[in-house]
Amino acid sequence: MEQIGIVLTGLTAIFLSSQDHREAWRRWACVFAMLGQPFWLYAAYKADQWGIFVMCFVALVGWIRIVNRRVRA
């Protein structure tokens, strides 16, 4: 189940972040990326991949910073 969540949210975030020419749609990339973080965290925890688990939090902080910038703009 977590693999499906990772694929769906990850691919959506990737295509929206740089592939879509509409600014209004690109704004949603960070939302989909953050929605995927629980799936990443669960998969990393289940597989005892502690480096990836920590990296998920770092990525989440990065996405939150992007959201904050876009909300202020």
Protein backbone atom coordinates (compact mmCIF):
# COMPACT_ATOMS: atom_id res chain seq x y z
CA MET A 1 0.00 0.00 0.00
CA GLU A 2 2.79 2.43 0.86
CA GLN A 3 4.41 1.76 -2.53
CA ILE A 4 1.25 2.88 -4.29
CA GLY A 5 1.12 6.04 -2.17
CA ILE A 6 4.77 6.80 -2.89
CA VAL A 7 4.32 6.33 -6.64
CA LEU A 8 1.10 8.32 -6.94
CA THR A 9 2.16 11.29 -4.83
CA GLY A 10 5.74 11.26 -6.06
CA LEU A 11 4.95 11.17 -9.75
CA THR A 12 2.28 13.83 -9.34
CA ALA A 13 4.70 16.10 -7.50
CA ILE A 14 7.43 15.57 -10.08
CA PHE A 15 5.22 16.31 -13.07
CA LEU A 16 3.60 19.31 -11.45
CA SER A 17 6.85 20.81 -10.15
CA SER A 18 8.58 21.37 -13.43
CA GLN A 19 6.64 19.80 -16.25
CA ASP A 20 3.41 21.79 -16.13
CA HIS A 21 3.46 25.22 -17.74
CA ARG A 22 0.58 26.50 -15.59
CA GLU A 23 1.76 28.28 -12.43
CA ALA A 24 -1.48 27.50 -10.61
CA TRP A 25 -0.89 23.77 -11.11
CA ARG A 26 2.82 23.89 -10.23
CA ARG A 27 1.87 25.28 -6.82
CA TRP A 28 0.33 21.92 -5.96
CA ALA A 29 3.61 20.02 -6.41
CA CYS A 30 4.76 20.66 -2.85
CA VAL A 31 1.37 19.61 -1.46
CA PHE A 32 1.54 16.24 -3.22
CA ALA A 33 5.16 15.82 -2.15
CA MET A 34 4.19 16.40 1.49
CA LEU A 35 1.24 14.03 1.19
CA GLY A 36 3.72 11.35 0.16
CA GLN A 37 5.93 11.77 3.21
CA PRO A 38 3.89 9.50 5.52
CA PHE A 39 4.17 6.72 2.95
CA TRP A 40 7.94 7.24 2.74
CA LEU A 41 8.27 7.30 6.52
CA TYR A 42 6.27 4.12 6.96
CA ALA A 43 8.15 2.26 4.23
CA ALA A 44 11.54 3.34 5.61
CA TYR A 45 10.54 2.40 9.17
CA LYS A 46 9.20 -0.98 8.10
CA ALA A 47 12.41 -1.77 6.19
CA ASP A 48 14.72 -0.47 8.97
CA GLN A 49 16.15 2.10 6.57
CA TRP A 50 17.04 4.74 9.15
CA GLY A 51 19.02 6.95 6.78
CA ILE A 52 16.01 7.23 4.47
CA PHE A 53 13.76 7.77 7.50
CA VAL A 54 15.84 10.79 8.58
CA MET A 55 16.07 12.04 4.99
CA CYS A 56 12.25 12.04 4.82
CA PHE A 57 12.16 14.62 7.61
CA VAL A 58 14.76 16.74 5.85
CA ALA A 59 12.73 16.60 2.63
CA LEU A 60 9.59 17.50 4.55
CA VAL A 61 11.27 20.59 5.99
CA GLY A 62 12.31 21.61 2.47
CA TRP A 63 8.77 21.22 1.13
CA ILE A 64 7.35 23.16 4.08
CA ARG A 65 9.75 26.01 3.31
CA ILE A 66 8.51 26.08 -0.29
CA VAL A 67 4.89 26.18 0.89
CA ASN A 68 5.71 29.05 3.26
CA ARG A 69 7.35 31.02 0.45
CA ARG A 70 4.39 30.50 -1.86
CA VAL A 71 1.85 31.43 0.79
CA ARG A 72 3.68 34.68 1.47
CA ALA A 73 3.91 35.54 -2.24
